[in-house]
Amino acid sequence: MMAIMWLNPLFKIGYKQKLEEDDMYSLLPEDPSQHVGEKLQEYWDQEVKKAEKDAQEPSLMKAIIKCYWKSYVVWGIFIFLEEGTRVIQPIFFRKMISYVQNKDPTNSAALHEAYAYAAGLSACVLVWAVLHHLCFYHMQRVGMKLRVAVCRMIYRKESYCLSWGRPPQAR
């Protein structure tokens, strides 16, 4: 319920009247299509020049990798940590189950060890929850930027070719 509270003012406006462009929330400064499109376009232009020099076909995949590799590496490391916590959780479960099966009321060291396993399991769940949502959000943003950048490049090429009166394949 709390997750969508920021939408309530927009819903109220939309209920009263048709939504206008000014009613919508503005983008973050680094998200407009012009910014992300120009960034990928620079890498594409470099790829085209390199391909012409080497007498090869340019690769959009190479341009995308050069443009976005840092984001994917950084968030990939966080995803690796997130998945690492999921691998460790069953180990803590096994140790706790082992304690319960072999419970010795006189062994206080085993009890403290069981508390440590429970704390470790709780920490893993907490770290996983935070990293999961953080990584999901940021990977979605990187994917959104990539999609917008490629769409902008396609639109730009289409507009350029149509303005010169040739089909898009001719360029």
N, C-alpha and C. Protein backbone atom coordinates (compact mmCIF):
# COMPACT_ATOMS: atom_id res chain seq x y z
N MET A 1 0.82 -1.20 0.00
CA MET A 1 0.00 0.00 0.00
C MET A 1 0.86 1.26 0.00
N MET A 2 1.88 1.26 0.86
CA MET A 2 2.73 2.45 0.96
C MET A 2 3.57 2.66 -0.29
N ALA A 3 3.79 1.59 -1.05
CA ALA A 3 4.65 1.67 -2.22
C ALA A 3 4.07 2.57 -3.31
N ILE A 4 2.76 2.71 -3.36
CA ILE A 4 2.16 3.52 -4.43
C ILE A 4 1.57 4.84 -3.93
N MET A 5 1.90 5.22 -2.71
CA MET A 5 1.36 6.46 -2.15
C MET A 5 1.78 7.68 -2.97
N TRP A 6 2.94 7.63 -3.60
CA TRP A 6 3.42 8.77 -4.38
C TRP A 6 2.56 8.98 -5.63
N LEU A 7 1.76 7.97 -6.01
CA LEU A 7 0.89 8.09 -7.18
C LEU A 7 -0.46 8.73 -6.85
N ASN A 8 -0.82 8.78 -5.58
CA ASN A 8 -2.14 9.29 -5.21
C ASN A 8 -2.42 10.70 -5.74
N PRO A 9 -1.50 11.66 -5.63
CA PRO A 9 -1.80 12.99 -6.19
C PRO A 9 -2.06 12.94 -7.70
N LEU A 10 -1.34 12.10 -8.41
CA LEU A 10 -1.54 11.97 -9.85
C LEU A 10 -2.90 11.34 -10.15
N PHE A 11 -3.30 10.35 -9.35
CA PHE A 11 -4.62 9.74 -9.52
C PHE A 11 -5.73 10.75 -9.28
N LYS A 12 -5.56 11.61 -8.27
CA LYS A 12 -6.58 12.62 -7.97
C LYS A 12 -6.74 13.60 -9.13
N ILE A 13 -5.62 14.03 -9.69
CA ILE A 13 -5.68 14.95 -10.85
C ILE A 13 -6.34 14.25 -12.02
N GLY A 14 -5.95 13.00 -12.28
CA GLY A 14 -6.52 12.25 -13.39
C GLY A 14 -8.00 11.96 -13.22
N TYR A 15 -8.46 11.85 -11.98
CA TYR A 15 -9.88 11.63 -11.73
C TYR A 15 -10.69 12.89 -12.04
N LYS A 16 -10.11 14.07 -11.76
CA LYS A 16 -10.82 15.33 -11.94
C LYS A 16 -10.78 15.81 -13.39
N GLN A 17 -9.67 15.56 -14.06
CA GLN A 17 -9.51 16.07 -15.43
C GLN A 17 -8.58 15.16 -16.21
N LYS A 18 -8.54 15.38 -17.51
CA LYS A 18 -7.62 14.62 -18.35
C LYS A 18 -6.19 15.07 -18.03
N LEU A 19 -5.29 14.10 -17.87
CA LEU A 19 -3.91 14.43 -17.53
C LEU A 19 -3.21 15.14 -18.69
N GLU A 20 -2.47 16.16 -18.34
CA GLU A 20 -1.67 16.90 -19.31
C GLU A 20 -0.20 16.57 -19.07
N GLU A 21 0.65 16.95 -19.99
CA GLU A 21 2.07 16.67 -19.86
C GLU A 21 2.66 17.32 -18.60
N ASP A 22 2.19 18.51 -18.26
CA ASP A 22 2.71 19.21 -17.08
C ASP A 22 2.31 18.53 -15.77
N ASP A 23 1.27 17.69 -15.79
CA ASP A 23 0.83 16.99 -14.60
C ASP A 23 1.77 15.84 -14.23
N MET A 24 2.50 15.34 -15.19
CA MET A 24 3.36 14.18 -14.97
C MET A 24 4.63 14.60 -14.23
N TYR A 25 5.23 13.63 -13.55
CA TYR A 25 6.49 13.89 -12.86
C TYR A 25 7.60 14.03 -13.89
N SER A 26 8.56 14.90 -13.61
CA SER A 26 9.66 15.09 -14.56
C SER A 26 10.69 13.97 -14.39
N LEU A 27 11.45 13.76 -15.46
CA LEU A 27 12.48 12.74 -15.46
C LEU A 27 13.69 13.19 -14.66
N LEU A 28 14.49 12.23 -14.27
CA LEU A 28 15.77 12.57 -13.67
C LEU A 28 16.65 13.21 -14.74
N PRO A 29 17.57 14.07 -14.36
CA PRO A 29 18.38 14.78 -15.36
C PRO A 29 19.16 13.86 -16.30
N GLU A 30 19.52 12.66 -15.84
CA GLU A 30 20.30 11.77 -16.69
C GLU A 30 19.43 10.84 -17.54
N ASP A 31 18.11 10.94 -17.47
CA ASP A 31 17.23 10.01 -18.17
C ASP A 31 16.59 10.49 -19.47
N PRO A 32 16.60 11.75 -19.84
CA PRO A 32 15.93 12.13 -21.09
C PRO A 32 16.51 11.40 -22.30
N SER A 33 15.65 11.16 -23.27
CA SER A 33 16.06 10.38 -24.43
C SER A 33 17.21 11.04 -25.19
N GLN A 34 17.25 12.35 -25.18
CA GLN A 34 18.33 13.04 -25.89
C GLN A 34 19.68 12.68 -25.27
N HIS A 35 19.75 12.68 -23.96
CA HIS A 35 21.01 12.38 -23.27
C HIS A 35 21.45 10.94 -23.50
N VAL A 36 20.57 9.99 -23.24
CA VAL A 36 20.96 8.58 -23.39
C VAL A 36 21.15 8.21 -24.85
N GLY A 37 20.37 8.83 -25.74
CA GLY A 37 20.51 8.55 -27.17
C GLY A 37 21.82 9.06 -27.73
N GLU A 38 22.22 10.26 -27.32
CA GLU A 38 23.48 10.83 -27.81
C GLU A 38 24.68 10.05 -27.30
N LYS A 39 24.57 9.55 -26.07
CA LYS A 39 25.67 8.76 -25.51
C LYS A 39 25.90 7.50 -26.33
N LEU A 40 24.83 6.76 -26.62
CA LEU A 40 24.97 5.55 -27.44
C LEU A 40 25.36 5.90 -28.87
N GLN A 41 24.85 7.02 -29.38
CA GLN A 41 25.18 7.44 -30.75
C GLN A 41 26.68 7.68 -30.89
N GLU A 42 27.31 8.25 -29.86
CA GLU A 42 28.77 8.46 -29.90
C GLU A 42 29.51 7.14 -30.04
N TYR A 43 29.11 6.16 -29.26
CA TYR A 43 29.76 4.85 -29.34
C TYR A 43 29.47 4.18 -30.68
N TRP A 44 28.28 4.38 -31.23
CA TRP A 44 27.94 3.82 -32.53
C TRP A 44 28.80 4.46 -33.62
N ASP A 45 28.94 5.79 -33.56
CA ASP A 45 29.78 6.48 -34.55
C ASP A 45 31.22 5.99 -34.49
N GLN A 46 31.73 5.77 -33.29
CA GLN A 46 33.09 5.22 -33.15
C GLN A 46 33.17 3.81 -33.75
N GLU A 47 32.13 3.01 -33.53
CA GLU A 47 32.10 1.65 -34.06
C GLU A 47 32.04 1.67 -35.59
N VAL A 48 31.28 2.60 -36.15
CA VAL A 48 31.19 2.70 -37.61
C VAL A 48 32.55 3.10 -38.19
N LYS A 49 33.21 4.09 -37.57
CA LYS A 49 34.54 4.50 -38.06
C LYS A 49 35.54 3.35 -37.97
N LYS A 50 35.51 2.62 -36.87
CA LYS A 50 36.43 1.49 -36.70
C LYS A 50 36.14 0.40 -37.73
N ALA A 51 34.86 0.14 -37.97
CA ALA A 51 34.48 -0.90 -38.94
C ALA A 51 34.88 -0.50 -40.36
N GLU A 52 34.74 0.79 -40.70
CA GLU A 52 35.16 1.26 -42.03
C GLU A 52 36.67 1.11 -42.19
N LYS A 53 37.39 1.44 -41.13
CA LYS A 53 38.85 1.33 -41.17
C LYS A 53 39.30 -0.12 -41.33
N ASP A 54 38.59 -1.04 -40.65
CA ASP A 54 38.95 -2.46 -40.69
C ASP A 54 38.22 -3.22 -41.80
N ALA A 55 37.42 -2.52 -42.60
CA ALA A 55 36.63 -3.12 -43.69
C ALA A 55 35.72 -4.23 -43.18
N GLN A 56 34.98 -3.92 -42.09
CA GLN A 56 34.04 -4.88 -41.50
C GLN A 56 32.68 -4.21 -41.36
N GLU A 57 31.71 -5.02 -40.98
CA GLU A 57 30.39 -4.50 -40.67
C GLU A 57 30.41 -3.96 -39.24
N PRO A 58 29.83 -2.79 -39.01
CA PRO A 58 29.76 -2.29 -37.62
C PRO A 58 28.80 -3.14 -36.79
N SER A 59 29.08 -3.24 -35.51
CA SER A 59 28.27 -4.07 -34.62
C SER A 59 27.61 -3.19 -33.56
N LEU A 60 26.28 -3.16 -33.59
CA LEU A 60 25.54 -2.41 -32.57
C LEU A 60 25.79 -3.02 -31.20
N MET A 61 25.93 -4.34 -31.14
CA MET A 61 26.18 -5.01 -29.86
C MET A 61 27.48 -4.49 -29.23
N LYS A 62 28.52 -4.32 -30.03
CA LYS A 62 29.78 -3.80 -29.50
C LYS A 62 29.61 -2.38 -28.98
N ALA A 63 28.86 -1.57 -29.70
CA ALA A 63 28.61 -0.19 -29.24
C ALA A 63 27.83 -0.18 -27.93
N ILE A 64 26.85 -1.06 -27.82
CA ILE A 64 26.05 -1.15 -26.59
C ILE A 64 26.93 -1.60 -25.42
N ILE A 65 27.76 -2.59 -25.66
CA ILE A 65 28.64 -3.09 -24.59
C ILE A 65 29.59 -1.99 -24.14
N LYS A 66 30.18 -1.27 -25.08
CA LYS A 66 31.11 -0.19 -24.71
C LYS A 66 30.39 0.93 -23.95
N CYS A 67 29.15 1.15 -24.27
CA CYS A 67 28.39 2.23 -23.63
C CYS A 67 27.91 1.86 -22.22
N TYR A 68 27.49 0.61 -22.03
CA TYR A 68 26.83 0.24 -20.79
C TYR A 68 27.57 -0.79 -19.95
N TRP A 69 28.79 -1.16 -20.31
CA TRP A 69 29.46 -2.24 -19.59
C TRP A 69 29.70 -1.90 -18.13
N LYS A 70 30.01 -0.65 -17.82
CA LYS A 70 30.29 -0.28 -16.42
C LYS A 70 29.07 -0.51 -15.53
N SER A 71 27.91 -0.10 -16.02
CA SER A 71 26.69 -0.28 -15.23
C SER A 71 26.41 -1.76 -14.99
N TYR A 72 26.56 -2.56 -16.04
CA TYR A 72 26.28 -3.98 -15.89
C TYR A 72 27.30 -4.67 -14.99
N VAL A 73 28.55 -4.25 -15.03
CA VAL A 73 29.56 -4.86 -14.16
C VAL A 73 29.29 -4.51 -12.70
N VAL A 74 29.02 -3.24 -12.43
CA VAL A 74 28.77 -2.81 -11.05
C VAL A 74 27.55 -3.54 -10.48
N TRP A 75 26.45 -3.54 -11.22
CA TRP A 75 25.25 -4.18 -10.70
C TRP A 75 25.38 -5.69 -10.75
N GLY A 76 26.20 -6.20 -11.64
CA GLY A 76 26.48 -7.64 -11.66
C GLY A 76 27.17 -8.10 -10.39
N ILE A 77 28.09 -7.27 -9.88
CA ILE A 77 28.77 -7.60 -8.62
C ILE A 77 27.75 -7.64 -7.47
N PHE A 78 26.85 -6.67 -7.44
CA PHE A 78 25.83 -6.67 -6.40
C PHE A 78 24.91 -7.88 -6.53
N ILE A 79 24.57 -8.26 -7.76
CA ILE A 79 23.73 -9.44 -7.96
C ILE A 79 24.47 -10.70 -7.51
N PHE A 80 25.78 -10.75 -7.75
CA PHE A 80 26.58 -11.87 -7.28
C PHE A 80 26.52 -11.96 -5.75
N LEU A 81 26.63 -10.82 -5.07
CA LEU A 81 26.51 -10.81 -3.61
C LEU A 81 25.11 -11.23 -3.16
N GLU A 82 24.12 -10.76 -3.88
CA GLU A 82 22.73 -11.13 -3.57
C GLU A 82 22.54 -12.64 -3.67
N GLU A 83 23.03 -13.21 -4.75
CA GLU A 83 22.88 -14.66 -4.93
C GLU A 83 23.74 -15.42 -3.92
N GLY A 84 24.87 -14.84 -3.52
CA GLY A 84 25.71 -15.46 -2.50
C GLY A 84 24.98 -15.62 -1.19
N THR A 85 24.17 -14.62 -0.83
CA THR A 85 23.40 -14.73 0.42
C THR A 85 22.35 -15.84 0.30
N ARG A 86 21.83 -16.06 -0.88
CA ARG A 86 20.85 -17.14 -1.06
C ARG A 86 21.50 -18.51 -0.96
N VAL A 87 22.77 -18.61 -1.34
CA VAL A 87 23.48 -19.88 -1.24
C VAL A 87 23.82 -20.19 0.22
N ILE A 88 24.13 -19.17 1.00
CA ILE A 88 24.53 -19.36 2.39
C ILE A 88 23.34 -19.69 3.30
N GLN A 89 22.15 -19.24 2.97
CA GLN A 89 20.98 -19.46 3.82
C GLN A 89 20.73 -20.94 4.15
N PRO A 90 20.77 -21.85 3.18
CA PRO A 90 20.54 -23.26 3.54
C PRO A 90 21.59 -23.82 4.51
N ILE A 91 22.80 -23.29 4.46
CA ILE A 91 23.84 -23.74 5.40
C ILE A 91 23.45 -23.37 6.82
N PHE A 92 22.99 -22.13 7.00
CA PHE A 92 22.53 -21.71 8.32
C PHE A 92 21.32 -22.53 8.77
N PHE A 93 20.39 -22.80 7.85
CA PHE A 93 19.24 -23.64 8.18
C PHE A 93 19.69 -25.02 8.65
N ARG A 94 20.60 -25.63 7.92
CA ARG A 94 21.08 -26.97 8.28
C ARG A 94 21.69 -26.96 9.67
N LYS A 95 22.51 -25.95 9.98
CA LYS A 95 23.14 -25.87 11.31
C LYS A 95 22.10 -25.70 12.41
N MET A 96 21.07 -24.89 12.15
CA MET A 96 20.03 -24.70 13.16
C MET A 96 19.22 -25.98 13.37
N ILE A 97 18.90 -26.66 12.28
CA ILE A 97 18.17 -27.93 12.40
C ILE A 97 19.00 -28.96 13.14
N SER A 98 20.29 -28.97 12.84
CA SER A 98 21.19 -29.89 13.53
C SER A 98 21.21 -29.61 15.03
N TYR A 99 21.20 -28.33 15.41
CA TYR A 99 21.17 -27.97 16.83
C TYR A 99 19.90 -28.50 17.49
N VAL A 100 18.75 -28.29 16.83
CA VAL A 100 17.47 -28.72 17.40
C VAL A 100 17.41 -30.24 17.52
N GLN A 101 17.93 -30.95 16.52
CA GLN A 101 17.90 -32.42 16.57
C GLN A 101 18.80 -32.98 17.67
N ASN A 102 19.92 -32.33 17.92
CA ASN A 102 20.89 -32.82 18.92
C ASN A 102 20.92 -31.93 20.16
N LYS A 103 19.79 -31.39 20.52
CA LYS A 103 19.73 -30.43 21.62
C LYS A 103 20.22 -31.05 22.93
N ASP A 104 21.17 -30.34 23.54
CA ASP A 104 21.71 -30.73 24.84
C ASP A 104 21.53 -29.54 25.77
N PRO A 105 20.61 -29.60 26.74
CA PRO A 105 20.34 -28.46 27.60
C PRO A 105 21.54 -28.00 28.42
N THR A 106 22.51 -28.85 28.61
CA THR A 106 23.67 -28.48 29.43
C THR A 106 24.76 -27.79 28.62
N ASN A 107 24.68 -27.83 27.30
CA ASN A 107 25.72 -27.27 26.44
C ASN A 107 25.36 -25.84 26.06
N SER A 108 25.87 -24.85 26.81
CA SER A 108 25.55 -23.45 26.52
C SER A 108 26.31 -22.95 25.30
N ALA A 109 27.45 -23.55 24.99
CA ALA A 109 28.21 -23.14 23.80
C ALA A 109 27.41 -23.45 22.53
N ALA A 110 26.72 -24.59 22.50
CA ALA A 110 25.90 -24.96 21.35
C ALA A 110 24.73 -24.00 21.20
N LEU A 111 24.17 -23.55 22.35
CA LEU A 111 23.07 -22.59 22.30
C LEU A 111 23.53 -21.27 21.71
N HIS A 112 24.70 -20.79 22.12
CA HIS A 112 25.24 -19.54 21.58
C HIS A 112 25.56 -19.70 20.08
N GLU A 113 26.02 -20.88 19.74
CA GLU A 113 26.30 -21.14 18.32
C GLU A 113 25.00 -21.12 17.51
N ALA A 114 23.93 -21.67 18.07
CA ALA A 114 22.62 -21.65 17.40
C ALA A 114 22.12 -20.22 17.25
N TYR A 115 22.33 -19.41 18.28
CA TYR A 115 21.95 -17.99 18.17
C TYR A 115 22.75 -17.31 17.06
N ALA A 116 24.01 -17.64 16.94
CA ALA A 116 24.85 -17.06 15.88
C ALA A 116 24.34 -17.47 14.51
N TYR A 117 23.92 -18.74 14.37
CA TYR A 117 23.38 -19.19 13.09
C TYR A 117 22.06 -18.48 12.77
N ALA A 118 21.23 -18.29 13.80
CA ALA A 118 19.97 -17.57 13.59
C ALA A 118 20.24 -16.12 13.20
N ALA A 119 21.22 -15.50 13.83
CA ALA A 119 21.57 -14.12 13.47
C ALA A 119 22.13 -14.07 12.05
N GLY A 120 22.97 -15.05 11.70
CA GLY A 120 23.50 -15.11 10.34
C GLY A 120 22.41 -15.28 9.30
N LEU A 121 21.44 -16.14 9.61
CA LEU A 121 20.31 -16.35 8.69
C LEU A 121 19.50 -15.07 8.55
N SER A 122 19.25 -14.39 9.66
CA SER A 122 18.50 -13.13 9.62
C SER A 122 19.26 -12.07 8.81
N ALA A 123 20.56 -12.00 9.01
CA ALA A 123 21.37 -11.05 8.26
C ALA A 123 21.33 -11.36 6.76
N CYS A 124 21.41 -12.64 6.42
CA CYS A 124 21.34 -13.03 5.00
C CYS A 124 20.01 -12.62 4.37
N VAL A 125 18.93 -12.84 5.09
CA VAL A 125 17.61 -12.48 4.57
C VAL A 125 17.51 -10.96 4.40
N LEU A 126 18.00 -10.22 5.35
CA LEU A 126 17.97 -8.76 5.27
C LEU A 126 18.83 -8.25 4.11
N VAL A 127 20.04 -8.75 4.01
CA VAL A 127 20.94 -8.34 2.92
C VAL A 127 20.33 -8.71 1.57
N TRP A 128 19.77 -9.92 1.48
CA TRP A 128 19.15 -10.34 0.22
C TRP A 128 18.01 -9.41 -0.15
N ALA A 129 17.15 -9.08 0.80
CA ALA A 129 15.99 -8.23 0.51
C ALA A 129 16.43 -6.86 0.01
N VAL A 130 17.42 -6.27 0.67
CA VAL A 130 17.89 -4.94 0.26
C VAL A 130 18.54 -5.02 -1.12
N LEU A 131 19.46 -5.95 -1.30
CA LEU A 131 20.17 -6.05 -2.58
C LEU A 131 19.23 -6.43 -3.72
N HIS A 132 18.29 -7.30 -3.45
CA HIS A 132 17.38 -7.74 -4.51
C HIS A 132 16.61 -6.56 -5.09
N HIS A 133 16.02 -5.76 -4.24
CA HIS A 133 15.21 -4.64 -4.71
C HIS A 133 16.08 -3.54 -5.31
N LEU A 134 17.22 -3.31 -4.71
CA LEU A 134 18.14 -2.30 -5.24
C LEU A 134 18.63 -2.69 -6.63
N CYS A 135 19.07 -3.93 -6.77
CA CYS A 135 19.59 -4.41 -8.07
C CYS A 135 18.48 -4.44 -9.12
N PHE A 136 17.32 -4.91 -8.73
CA PHE A 136 16.20 -4.97 -9.69
C PHE A 136 15.88 -3.58 -10.21
N TYR A 137 15.78 -2.61 -9.31
CA TYR A 137 15.46 -1.24 -9.71
C TYR A 137 16.51 -0.69 -10.67
N HIS A 138 17.78 -0.82 -10.30
CA HIS A 138 18.83 -0.23 -11.13
C HIS A 138 19.02 -0.97 -12.44
N MET A 139 18.84 -2.27 -12.47
CA MET A 139 18.95 -3.00 -13.73
C MET A 139 17.77 -2.63 -14.64
N GLN A 140 16.62 -2.40 -14.08
CA GLN A 140 15.48 -1.93 -14.87
C GLN A 140 15.78 -0.55 -15.47
N ARG A 141 16.42 0.31 -14.70
CA ARG A 141 16.77 1.64 -15.20
C ARG A 141 17.79 1.55 -16.33
N VAL A 142 18.80 0.68 -16.17
CA VAL A 142 19.80 0.52 -17.22
C VAL A 142 19.12 -0.03 -18.47
N GLY A 143 18.24 -1.00 -18.31
CA GLY A 143 17.50 -1.54 -19.45
C GLY A 143 16.63 -0.50 -20.12
N MET A 144 15.98 0.35 -19.31
CA MET A 144 15.15 1.42 -19.86
C MET A 144 16.00 2.39 -20.67
N LYS A 145 17.16 2.76 -20.14
CA LYS A 145 18.04 3.68 -20.87
C LYS A 145 18.50 3.06 -22.18
N LEU A 146 18.83 1.78 -22.16
CA LEU A 146 19.27 1.10 -23.37
C LEU A 146 18.15 1.08 -24.41
N ARG A 147 16.95 0.76 -23.98
CA ARG A 147 15.82 0.72 -24.91
C ARG A 147 15.55 2.09 -25.50
N VAL A 148 15.56 3.12 -24.67
CA VAL A 148 15.30 4.48 -25.14
C VAL A 148 16.40 4.91 -26.12
N ALA A 149 17.65 4.58 -25.80
CA ALA A 149 18.76 4.98 -26.67
C ALA A 149 18.66 4.31 -28.04
N VAL A 150 18.35 3.02 -28.07
CA VAL A 150 18.24 2.31 -29.36
C VAL A 150 17.03 2.83 -30.14
N CYS A 151 15.91 3.05 -29.47
CA CYS A 151 14.73 3.60 -30.15
C CYS A 151 15.04 4.97 -30.73
N ARG A 152 15.77 5.77 -29.98
CA ARG A 152 16.13 7.11 -30.48
C ARG A 152 17.02 7.01 -31.71
N MET A 153 17.97 6.08 -31.68
CA MET A 153 18.84 5.91 -32.85
C MET A 153 18.04 5.45 -34.07
N ILE A 154 17.10 4.54 -33.87
CA ILE A 154 16.27 4.06 -34.98
C ILE A 154 15.42 5.20 -35.53
N TYR A 155 14.80 5.95 -34.65
CA TYR A 155 13.97 7.07 -35.07
C TYR A 155 14.81 8.11 -35.81
N ARG A 156 15.98 8.37 -35.30
CA ARG A 156 16.87 9.36 -35.92
C ARG A 156 17.27 8.92 -37.33
N LYS A 157 17.60 7.65 -37.47
CA LYS A 157 17.99 7.13 -38.79
C LYS A 157 16.81 7.18 -39.74
N GLU A 158 15.66 6.80 -39.26
CA GLU A 158 14.46 6.82 -40.09
C GLU A 158 14.15 8.25 -40.54
N SER A 159 14.24 9.20 -39.62
CA SER A 159 13.97 10.60 -39.95
C SER A 159 14.97 11.12 -40.96
N TYR A 160 16.23 10.77 -40.77
CA TYR A 160 17.28 11.22 -41.68
C TYR A 160 17.05 10.68 -43.09
N CYS A 161 16.76 9.40 -43.17
CA CYS A 161 16.57 8.78 -44.48
C CYS A 161 15.33 9.31 -45.18
N LEU A 162 14.26 9.52 -44.43
CA LEU A 162 13.04 10.04 -45.03
C LEU A 162 13.20 11.48 -45.47
N SER A 163 14.01 12.25 -44.75
CA SER A 163 14.21 13.64 -45.13
C SER A 163 15.01 13.75 -46.44
N TRP A 164 15.81 12.73 -46.74
CA TRP A 164 16.58 12.73 -47.99
C TRP A 164 15.86 11.96 -49.08
N GLY A 165 14.68 11.46 -48.79
CA GLY A 165 13.87 10.80 -49.80
C GLY A 165 14.34 9.42 -50.19
N ARG A 166 15.09 8.76 -49.31
CA ARG A 166 15.51 7.39 -49.59
C ARG A 166 14.97 6.46 -48.53
N PRO A 167 14.87 5.20 -48.88
CA PRO A 167 14.43 4.24 -47.87
C PRO A 167 15.49 4.07 -46.79
N PRO A 168 15.10 3.71 -45.58
CA PRO A 168 16.05 3.57 -44.46
C PRO A 168 17.17 2.58 -44.73
N GLN A 169 16.95 1.55 -45.54
CA GLN A 169 17.98 0.55 -45.78
C GLN A 169 19.13 1.11 -46.61
N ALA A 170 18.90 2.22 -47.33
CA ALA A 170 19.91 2.74 -48.25
C ALA A 170 21.10 3.37 -47.54
N ARG A 171 20.96 3.76 -46.31
CA ARG A 171 22.07 4.44 -45.61
C ARG A 171 23.02 3.47 -45.03
